């Protein structure tokens, strides 16, 4: 491949700690970005009028809920150009797609799936019931019956994301897994079908966009409704997931991906630059950030970024990402770097330090931690084992990567006996009456009276 034209990222070195703090702590979260002129024109052409992304999604959800398959097929033809006679992709096509891959890629999919399964088997929770002299208390842990996975398939296909979601679901015991993916060039990307074959899914439908989310949430004649929807997508998919929450569960509202590297004087600038570029090539809105205690490391890393950038196939995207979202900062010490990382709560936190384990107790907020130069975030994206579906936009402060518990639910069990009722009943009566719920209080009083042999007819 010929070398791309030389370009630089324009990455500055920031030394003002308060400026770094300001950049890292500005409030993030899901925001509806303005539509590009091209996309606005496309919407006007499809719908015959100018609509916002939210209005587009509301219309699609309403139509799919009312008209089922007819609406799904209509929007698939209109938006994605699907040409299949059936939305349901037969299993034989999954197998054919897998067998058509080169042997090394087949093996890579299997290795990744096995590693993901091994990791997630450690997360399996079991039901429990604890007996005491007052009876029993416990929980039933049950897998969800049906989940749906949305996987993008337009400008890029991500079989790895399908594995990172479907394999933990199988480990959790989910019986029915449906996948929806949009057609690209008239059909689903073969890599997605190959991953579906490896993961042992139940159904794959050639449907994308908001209409896929609507179909999985409400159900159609062909596409079964699910209990929870997982997977990233564009603005229309994200808005649709938010709109159907409550009808079904959802995993998260994904924002642009992000990586924060913390490095000291022992770090290799060549590797730091490679890691920043690996993050930046995802998307022009991706954030690749380096906090280092060493000025020489910062300067050499920027030099390496500019040297390595032209070699990337996605150099335009990576360059724009680093120029607009990137940051290289020098901080006084590693402890302050960890403090800033906790404020930022990155999706990926990479520690390229002489002694990374020494600072592990200080880490409070991150989607995933990648320790040492042999554990780059790129390894986590594909084959390390933990799911790469991680919280973004600061949501690592309150949420976690995809894990087995996301595919289960807990049912509480209470089996009190007369001794428990005698001890807990009076407090229950007091609380119920304080809330004005005299029926609740009466339900306890009847039982206390019965246990004392006094009958249950008096107030």
Protein backbone atom coordinates (compact mmCIF):
# COMPACT_ATOMS: atom_id res chain seq x y z
CA UNK A 1 0.00 0.00 0.00
CA UNK A 2 1.51 3.40 -0.92
CA UNK A 3 2.30 5.68 1.97
CA UNK A 4 -0.30 8.28 2.82
CA UNK A 5 0.61 11.94 2.44
CA UNK A 6 2.61 13.16 5.41
CA UNK A 7 0.60 15.04 7.97
CA UNK A 8 0.93 16.01 11.61
CA UNK A 9 -1.68 15.90 14.33
CA UNK A 10 -1.02 19.27 15.88
CA UNK A 11 -1.04 17.65 19.32
CA UNK A 12 0.10 20.21 21.90
CA UNK A 13 1.80 19.41 25.19
CA UNK A 14 -0.25 20.77 28.10
CA UNK A 15 1.59 21.42 31.36
CA UNK A 16 -1.01 23.43 33.27
CA UNK A 17 -2.60 20.90 35.62
CA UNK A 18 -5.75 22.98 36.05
CA UNK A 19 -6.16 23.15 32.29
CA UNK A 20 -5.80 19.37 32.11
CA UNK A 21 -8.33 18.99 34.91
CA UNK A 22 -10.74 21.30 33.09
CA UNK A 23 -10.47 19.33 29.86
CA UNK A 24 -10.92 15.98 31.55
CA UNK A 25 -13.82 16.94 33.78
CA UNK A 26 -16.06 18.80 31.38
CA UNK A 27 -19.42 17.09 31.59
CA UNK A 28 -19.91 14.42 28.97
CA UNK A 29 -22.71 11.98 28.30
CA UNK A 30 -25.00 11.17 25.42
CA UNK A 31 -25.82 14.19 23.32
CA UNK A 32 -27.78 14.42 20.08
CA UNK A 33 -25.23 15.87 17.66
CA UNK A 34 -26.29 18.17 14.81
CA UNK A 35 -26.94 16.32 11.57
CA UNK A 36 -24.60 16.88 8.65
CA UNK A 37 -25.96 18.64 5.54
CA UNK A 38 -25.67 15.37 3.61
CA UNK A 39 -27.70 13.49 6.21
CA UNK A 40 -30.32 16.24 6.41
CA UNK A 41 -30.69 16.08 2.63
CA UNK A 42 -31.00 12.30 2.77
CA UNK A 43 -33.75 12.52 5.38
CA UNK A 44 -35.65 15.07 3.31
CA UNK A 45 -35.37 12.80 0.27
CA UNK A 46 -36.63 9.74 2.16
CA UNK A 47 -39.42 11.33 4.18
CA UNK A 48 -40.38 14.19 1.90
CA UNK A 49 -39.72 16.80 4.58
CA UNK A 50 -37.00 18.00 6.91
CA UNK A 51 -36.99 16.07 10.19
CA UNK A 52 -34.69 15.91 13.19
CA UNK A 53 -33.08 12.59 14.10
CA UNK A 54 -35.54 12.25 16.97
CA UNK A 55 -38.51 12.87 14.67
CA UNK A 56 -37.20 10.25 12.24
CA UNK A 57 -36.88 7.71 15.03
CA UNK A 58 -40.32 8.49 16.46
CA UNK A 59 -41.91 7.97 13.05
CA UNK A 60 -40.13 4.69 12.41
CA UNK A 61 -40.98 3.32 15.87
CA UNK A 62 -44.63 4.29 15.46
CA UNK A 63 -44.88 2.66 12.02
CA UNK A 64 -43.13 -0.57 13.02
CA UNK A 65 -45.30 -0.90 16.11
CA UNK A 66 -48.43 -0.47 13.99
CA UNK A 67 -47.50 -2.31 10.79
CA UNK A 68 -44.80 -4.84 11.78
CA UNK A 69 -42.94 -6.52 8.92
CA UNK A 70 -44.43 -4.22 6.31
CA UNK A 71 -42.91 -1.15 7.95
CA UNK A 72 -39.58 -2.87 8.65
CA UNK A 73 -39.23 -3.96 5.02
CA UNK A 74 -40.30 -0.53 3.79
CA UNK A 75 -37.65 1.31 5.80
CA UNK A 76 -34.98 -1.29 5.02
CA UNK A 77 -35.49 -0.77 1.28
CA UNK A 78 -35.74 2.99 1.67
CA UNK A 79 -32.76 3.56 3.95
CA UNK A 80 -30.38 0.61 3.55
CA UNK A 81 -31.29 -0.68 0.11
CA UNK A 82 -31.88 -4.24 1.25
CA UNK A 83 -32.94 -6.57 -1.55
CA UNK A 84 -33.49 -9.94 0.17
CA UNK A 85 -36.84 -11.62 -0.28
CA UNK A 86 -36.72 -12.51 3.42
CA UNK A 87 -35.27 -10.65 6.40
CA UNK A 88 -34.33 -13.97 8.03
CA UNK A 89 -30.81 -15.07 7.04
CA UNK A 90 -30.63 -18.91 6.97
CA UNK A 91 -28.06 -20.74 9.09
CA UNK A 92 -26.55 -22.23 5.95
CA UNK A 93 -25.40 -18.74 4.97
CA UNK A 94 -23.74 -18.25 8.35
CA UNK A 95 -21.82 -21.48 7.90
CA UNK A 96 -20.91 -20.63 4.31
CA UNK A 97 -19.64 -17.20 5.39
CA UNK A 98 -17.45 -18.82 8.05
CA UNK A 99 -16.11 -21.48 5.72
CA UNK A 100 -15.29 -18.82 3.13
CA UNK A 101 -12.89 -17.08 5.51
CA UNK A 102 -9.18 -17.74 5.43
CA UNK A 103 -8.15 -20.38 7.97
CA UNK A 104 -6.20 -17.92 10.18
CA UNK A 105 -9.29 -15.71 10.52
CA UNK A 106 -11.48 -18.72 11.29
CA UNK A 107 -9.04 -19.71 14.02
CA UNK A 108 -8.90 -16.14 15.32
CA UNK A 109 -12.69 -16.06 15.77
CA UNK A 110 -12.59 -19.37 17.63
CA UNK A 111 -9.70 -18.29 19.88
CA UNK A 112 -11.44 -15.03 20.74
CA UNK A 113 -14.75 -16.80 21.48
CA UNK A 114 -13.02 -19.37 23.71
CA UNK A 115 -11.10 -16.69 25.62
CA UNK A 116 -14.25 -14.60 26.13
CA UNK A 117 -16.09 -17.66 27.44
CA UNK A 118 -13.27 -18.60 29.83
CA UNK A 119 -13.23 -15.12 31.32
CA UNK A 120 -16.98 -14.82 31.77
CA UNK A 121 -17.45 -18.24 33.35
CA UNK A 122 -15.83 -16.79 36.48
CA UNK A 123 -18.73 -14.31 36.75
CA UNK A 124 -21.59 -16.80 36.93
CA UNK A 125 -23.79 -16.23 39.98
CA UNK A 126 -25.93 -18.96 41.49
CA UNK A 127 -29.18 -18.91 43.40
CA UNK A 128 -28.93 -19.11 47.18
CA UNK A 129 -31.19 -19.71 50.16
CA UNK A 130 -30.03 -19.20 53.74
CA UNK A 131 -31.99 -20.78 56.59
CA UNK A 132 -32.03 -19.56 60.18
CA UNK A 133 -34.27 -19.95 63.22
CA UNK A 134 -36.54 -17.29 61.65
CA UNK A 135 -36.99 -19.07 58.30
CA UNK A 136 -35.24 -18.52 55.01
CA UNK A 137 -34.04 -15.67 52.82
CA UNK A 138 -32.47 -15.92 49.41
CA UNK A 139 -32.38 -15.12 45.73
CA UNK A 140 -33.18 -16.93 42.53
CA UNK A 141 -30.79 -16.00 39.71
CA UNK A 142 -32.45 -16.55 36.35
CA UNK A 143 -31.20 -15.81 32.82
CA UNK A 144 -33.24 -13.57 30.56
CA UNK A 145 -35.39 -15.52 28.11
CA UNK A 146 -34.58 -13.52 24.97
CA UNK A 147 -32.04 -10.87 24.10
CA UNK A 148 -31.43 -8.92 20.92
CA UNK A 149 -28.03 -7.76 19.69
CA UNK A 150 -27.65 -4.93 17.24
CA UNK A 151 -24.42 -4.89 15.30
CA UNK A 152 -23.44 -2.12 12.89
CA UNK A 153 -22.71 -3.20 9.33
CA UNK A 154 -22.51 -0.11 7.18
CA UNK A 155 -19.09 1.52 6.70
CA UNK A 156 -17.51 -1.03 9.07
CA UNK A 157 -18.50 -4.43 10.44
CA UNK A 158 -17.56 -5.57 13.93
CA UNK A 159 -17.71 -9.35 14.39
CA UNK A 160 -15.69 -8.88 17.58
CA UNK A 161 -18.52 -6.87 19.17
CA UNK A 162 -20.97 -9.63 18.33
CA UNK A 163 -18.75 -12.18 20.10
CA UNK A 164 -18.18 -9.85 23.05
CA UNK A 165 -21.94 -9.69 23.64
CA UNK A 166 -23.27 -13.06 22.51
CA UNK A 167 -20.73 -15.26 24.29
CA UNK A 168 -21.38 -13.80 27.80
CA UNK A 169 -25.11 -14.14 27.10
CA UNK A 170 -24.68 -17.85 26.38
CA UNK A 171 -22.56 -18.25 29.53
CA UNK A 172 -25.41 -16.64 31.49
CA UNK A 173 -27.85 -19.20 30.10
CA UNK A 174 -29.85 -17.04 27.67
CA UNK A 175 -31.70 -19.44 25.38
CA UNK A 176 -32.76 -17.19 22.52
CA UNK A 177 -30.34 -14.68 20.97
CA UNK A 178 -31.46 -12.59 18.01
CA UNK A 179 -29.11 -10.45 15.96
CA UNK A 180 -30.07 -7.60 13.66
CA UNK A 181 -27.52 -6.14 11.27
CA UNK A 182 -28.02 -3.73 8.37
CA UNK A 183 -27.19 -4.72 4.81
CA UNK A 184 -24.06 -3.22 3.30
CA UNK A 185 -24.11 -3.40 -0.49
CA UNK A 186 -27.31 -5.41 -0.33
CA UNK A 187 -26.28 -7.98 2.27
CA UNK A 188 -24.96 -8.41 5.81
CA UNK A 189 -21.19 -8.36 6.06
CA UNK A 190 -19.89 -11.97 5.85
CA UNK A 191 -17.74 -11.41 8.95
CA UNK A 192 -20.91 -10.81 11.01
CA UNK A 193 -22.48 -14.02 9.73
CA UNK A 194 -19.26 -15.91 10.47
CA UNK A 195 -19.26 -14.60 14.05
CA UNK A 196 -22.92 -15.63 14.41
CA UNK A 197 -21.92 -19.14 13.35
CA UNK A 198 -19.07 -19.29 15.89
CA UNK A 199 -21.23 -17.91 18.72
CA UNK A 200 -24.08 -20.35 18.03
CA UNK A 201 -26.86 -17.79 17.78
CA UNK A 202 -30.53 -18.45 17.10
CA UNK A 203 -31.62 -15.92 14.50
CA UNK A 204 -29.97 -13.33 12.28
CA UNK A 205 -32.08 -10.72 10.52
CA UNK A 206 -30.98 -8.37 7.78
CA UNK A 207 -32.44 -5.25 9.34
CA UNK A 208 -30.66 -2.12 10.51
CA UNK A 209 -31.29 1.25 12.06
CA UNK A 210 -34.18 2.34 14.23
CA UNK A 211 -36.45 -0.18 12.50
CA UNK A 212 -34.32 -3.04 13.86
CA UNK A 213 -34.56 -1.69 17.41
CA UNK A 214 -38.32 -1.24 17.04
CA UNK A 215 -38.77 -4.75 15.68
CA UNK A 216 -36.84 -6.33 18.55
CA UNK A 217 -38.66 -4.22 21.13
CA UNK A 218 -42.23 -4.64 19.87
CA UNK A 219 -41.98 -7.84 17.82
CA UNK A 220 -43.25 -8.32 14.28
CA UNK A 221 -44.65 -11.25 12.32
CA UNK A 222 -41.08 -12.37 11.55
CA UNK A 223 -38.84 -10.85 14.21
CA UNK A 224 -39.58 -11.95 17.79
CA UNK A 225 -39.68 -9.42 20.59
CA UNK A 226 -36.85 -9.63 23.11
CA UNK A 227 -36.41 -8.74 26.77
CA UNK A 228 -33.27 -6.63 26.45
CA UNK A 229 -31.35 -5.03 23.58
CA UNK A 230 -27.57 -4.77 23.40
CA UNK A 231 -25.11 -3.25 20.96
CA UNK A 232 -23.84 0.06 19.57
CA UNK A 233 -25.11 1.97 16.57
CA UNK A 234 -25.45 5.37 14.99
CA UNK A 235 -27.49 8.29 16.31
CA UNK A 236 -30.76 6.76 15.06
CA UNK A 237 -30.07 3.43 16.77
CA UNK A 238 -29.08 5.16 20.00
CA UNK A 239 -32.19 7.36 20.04
CA UNK A 240 -34.36 4.33 19.29
CA UNK A 241 -32.83 2.38 22.18
CA UNK A 242 -33.51 5.26 24.52
CA UNK A 243 -37.10 5.52 23.25
CA UNK A 244 -37.95 1.82 23.77
CA UNK A 245 -36.39 1.59 27.23
CA UNK A 246 -39.14 0.45 29.57
CA UNK A 247 -40.71 -1.73 26.91
CA UNK A 248 -37.41 -3.62 26.95
CA UNK A 249 -34.17 -3.25 28.83
CA UNK A 250 -31.11 -1.77 27.13
CA UNK A 251 -27.42 -2.07 27.86
CA UNK A 252 -26.27 1.54 27.55
CA UNK A 253 -26.28 4.63 25.35
CA UNK A 254 -22.83 4.38 23.83
CA UNK A 255 -20.73 7.46 23.19
CA UNK A 256 -17.46 7.82 21.27
CA UNK A 257 -14.74 5.48 22.45
CA UNK A 258 -11.88 6.74 24.64
CA UNK A 259 -8.51 5.67 26.01
CA UNK A 260 -6.38 7.33 28.69
CA UNK A 261 -2.72 6.29 28.99
CA UNK A 262 -0.66 6.97 32.11
CA UNK A 263 3.10 6.69 31.57
CA UNK A 264 6.30 7.42 33.45
CA UNK A 265 9.90 7.66 32.29
CA UNK A 266 10.07 3.88 31.77
CA UNK A 267 7.46 3.91 28.99
CA UNK A 268 8.38 3.35 25.35
CA UNK A 269 7.23 6.31 23.19
CA UNK A 270 6.90 4.01 20.17
CA UNK A 271 4.31 1.90 22.00
CA UNK A 272 2.55 4.94 23.47
CA UNK A 273 2.18 6.43 19.99
CA UNK A 274 0.90 3.14 18.60
CA UNK A 275 -1.70 2.93 21.38
CA UNK A 276 -2.87 6.51 20.84
CA UNK A 277 -3.24 5.87 17.11
CA UNK A 278 -5.03 2.56 17.66
CA UNK A 279 -7.63 4.44 19.67
CA UNK A 280 -7.86 7.39 17.31
CA UNK A 281 -8.52 5.31 14.19
CA UNK A 282 -11.89 4.16 15.58
CA UNK A 283 -13.70 7.41 14.92
CA UNK A 284 -13.05 11.11 14.42
CA UNK A 285 -14.79 11.68 17.77
CA UNK A 286 -12.68 9.10 19.62
CA UNK A 287 -10.50 10.41 22.45
CA UNK A 288 -6.86 9.34 22.86
CA UNK A 289 -5.19 10.91 25.89
CA UNK A 290 -1.71 10.59 27.40
CA UNK A 291 -0.77 11.74 30.91
CA UNK A 292 2.93 11.38 31.61
CA UNK A 293 5.34 12.47 34.32
CA UNK A 294 8.22 12.82 31.85
CA UNK A 295 8.63 15.64 29.31
CA UNK A 296 10.97 13.61 27.11
CA UNK A 297 8.39 10.82 26.89
CA UNK A 298 5.72 13.35 25.90
CA UNK A 299 7.87 14.94 23.18
CA UNK A 300 9.10 11.62 21.77
CA UNK A 301 5.56 10.23 21.74
CA UNK A 302 4.27 13.13 19.65
CA UNK A 303 7.19 12.66 17.24
CA UNK A 304 6.30 8.97 16.96
CA UNK A 305 2.61 9.71 16.43
CA UNK A 306 3.47 11.96 13.50
CA UNK A 307 5.85 9.32 12.10
CA UNK A 308 3.41 6.42 12.42
CA UNK A 309 0.21 8.21 11.37
CA UNK A 310 0.81 8.14 7.57
CA UNK A 311 1.17 4.34 7.67
CA UNK A 312 -2.42 3.79 8.80
CA UNK A 313 -5.19 2.98 6.34
CA UNK A 314 -7.50 5.19 8.41
CA UNK A 315 -4.95 8.01 8.77
CA UNK A 316 -7.50 10.70 7.93
CA UNK A 317 -9.81 9.58 10.75
CA UNK A 318 -6.97 9.09 13.23
CA UNK A 319 -5.46 12.46 12.41
CA UNK A 320 -8.74 14.28 12.86
CA UNK A 321 -9.40 12.46 16.14
CA UNK A 322 -6.03 13.39 17.61
CA UNK A 323 -6.23 16.98 16.37
CA UNK A 324 -9.70 17.62 17.81
CA UNK A 325 -10.07 15.18 20.72
CA UNK A 326 -6.50 14.17 21.62
CA UNK A 327 -4.41 15.40 24.55
CA UNK A 328 -0.83 14.94 25.75
CA UNK A 329 -0.19 16.36 29.21
CA UNK A 330 2.71 16.45 31.65
CA UNK A 331 1.75 16.00 35.31
CA UNK A 332 3.95 16.17 38.44
CA UNK A 333 3.46 12.58 39.61
CA UNK A 334 1.64 9.34 38.92
CA UNK A 335 -0.69 9.78 41.90
CA UNK A 336 -2.06 13.01 40.40
CA UNK A 337 -2.41 11.27 37.05
CA UNK A 338 -4.57 8.59 38.71
CA UNK A 339 -6.64 11.29 40.43
CA UNK A 340 -7.28 12.93 37.05
CA UNK A 341 -8.10 9.55 35.52
CA UNK A 342 -10.68 8.90 38.23
CA UNK A 343 -12.29 12.27 37.44
CA UNK A 344 -12.37 11.41 33.73
CA UNK A 345 -13.58 7.81 34.30
CA UNK A 346 -12.24 6.54 30.96
CA UNK A 347 -13.55 3.59 29.02
CA UNK A 348 -10.00 2.25 28.80
CA UNK A 349 -7.25 3.08 31.32
CA UNK A 350 -3.77 1.91 30.29
CA UNK A 351 -0.90 1.89 32.79
CA UNK A 352 2.55 1.94 31.19
CA UNK A 353 4.51 2.37 34.40
CA UNK A 354 7.56 0.85 36.05
CA UNK A 355 5.32 -0.45 38.87
CA UNK A 356 1.67 -0.35 37.74
CA UNK A 357 0.46 -2.64 40.51
CA UNK A 358 1.47 -0.10 43.16
CA UNK A 359 -1.21 2.34 41.98
CA UNK A 360 -4.01 -0.17 41.43
CA UNK A 361 -5.57 0.53 44.89
CA UNK A 362 -6.00 4.17 43.83
CA UNK A 363 -8.09 3.41 40.74
CA UNK A 364 -11.80 3.94 41.30
CA UNK A 365 -13.41 4.68 37.93
CA UNK A 366 -12.62 2.99 34.60
CA UNK A 367 -14.32 0.60 32.22
CA UNK A 368 -11.22 -1.56 31.99
CA UNK A 369 -7.62 -1.34 33.20
CA UNK A 370 -4.81 -2.55 30.94
CA UNK A 371 -1.60 -3.15 32.86
CA UNK A 372 1.86 -2.94 31.35
CA UNK A 373 3.19 -2.64 27.82
CA UNK A 374 2.16 -6.21 26.94
CA UNK A 375 -1.53 -5.46 27.63
CA UNK A 376 -2.55 -2.84 25.08
CA UNK A 377 -6.17 -1.85 24.75
CA UNK A 378 -6.06 -3.34 21.22
CA UNK A 379 -5.62 -6.80 22.78
CA UNK A 380 -8.72 -6.16 24.88
CA UNK A 381 -10.67 -5.17 21.81
CA UNK A 382 -10.34 -8.65 20.36
CA UNK A 383 -8.96 -11.51 22.38
CA UNK A 384 -8.00 -10.78 26.00
CA UNK A 385 -11.30 -12.10 27.37
CA UNK A 386 -13.25 -9.27 29.06
CA UNK A 387 -16.00 -7.83 26.89
CA UNK A 388 -14.88 -4.74 25.02
CA UNK A 389 -18.38 -3.27 25.37
CA UNK A 390 -17.47 -0.80 28.13
CA UNK A 391 -18.97 2.37 29.61
CA UNK A 392 -18.09 5.62 27.85
CA UNK A 393 -18.59 9.36 28.37
CA UNK A 394 -17.82 9.20 32.08
CA UNK A 395 -20.46 6.55 32.78
CA UNK A 396 -17.75 4.31 34.26
CA UNK A 397 -18.51 6.29 37.43
CA UNK A 398 -21.71 4.28 37.78
CA UNK A 399 -21.72 1.43 35.27
CA UNK A 400 -19.64 -1.56 34.20
CA UNK A 401 -18.52 -3.40 31.08
CA UNK A 402 -20.87 -6.02 29.67
CA UNK A 403 -20.77 -8.97 32.06
CA UNK A 404 -22.77 -12.09 32.80
CA UNK A 405 -25.08 -10.36 35.29
CA UNK A 406 -26.35 -8.12 32.47
CA UNK A 407 -28.04 -11.18 31.00
CA UNK A 408 -29.66 -12.34 34.23
CA UNK A 409 -32.18 -11.09 36.73
CA UNK A 410 -32.61 -11.71 40.45
CA UNK A 411 -35.82 -12.85 42.12
CA UNK A 412 -35.90 -12.33 45.88
CA UNK A 413 -37.18 -15.11 48.15
CA UNK A 414 -38.56 -14.60 51.68
CA UNK A 415 -39.83 -17.49 53.81
CA UNK A 416 -40.44 -16.09 57.31
CA UNK A 417 -41.76 -18.21 60.18
CA UNK A 418 -43.73 -17.14 63.32
CA UNK A 419 -40.56 -16.20 65.17
CA UNK A 420 -39.53 -13.78 62.39
CA UNK A 421 -43.03 -12.34 62.26
CA UNK A 422 -43.02 -11.73 66.00
CA UNK A 423 -39.68 -9.92 65.84
CA UNK A 424 -40.20 -7.92 62.64
CA UNK A 425 -43.98 -7.48 62.70
CA UNK A 426 -44.23 -4.57 65.19
CA UNK A 427 -41.65 -2.53 63.26
CA UNK A 428 -43.51 -3.28 60.03
CA UNK A 429 -46.80 -2.08 61.57
CA UNK A 430 -45.20 1.16 62.78
CA UNK A 431 -43.70 1.91 59.37
CA UNK A 432 -46.91 1.05 57.50
CA UNK A 433 -49.05 3.30 59.72
CA UNK A 434 -46.50 6.13 59.38
CA UNK A 435 -47.02 5.92 55.62
CA UNK A 436 -50.81 5.79 55.95
CA UNK A 437 -51.01 2.22 54.63
CA UNK A 438 -53.27 0.76 57.28
CA UNK A 439 -54.06 -2.25 55.09
CA UNK A 440 -50.42 -3.24 55.24
CA UNK A 441 -50.43 -2.85 59.01
CA UNK A 442 -53.63 -4.88 59.30
CA UNK A 443 -52.12 -7.73 57.25
CA UNK A 444 -49.39 -8.06 59.87
CA UNK A 445 -51.69 -7.57 62.86
CA UNK A 446 -54.00 -10.39 61.71
CA UNK A 447 -51.09 -12.78 61.64
CA UNK A 448 -49.73 -11.71 65.03
CA UNK A 449 -53.18 -12.14 66.57
CA UNK A 450 -53.55 -15.55 64.96
CA UNK A 451 -50.17 -16.69 66.25
CA UNK A 452 -51.22 -15.68 69.76
CA UNK A 453 -54.50 -17.53 69.45
CA UNK A 454 -56.53 -14.30 69.76
CA UNK A 455 -58.42 -14.60 66.45
CA UNK A 456 -58.32 -12.13 63.60
CA UNK A 457 -61.59 -10.20 63.75
CA UNK A 458 -60.62 -7.22 65.92
CA UNK A 459 -59.09 -4.01 64.56
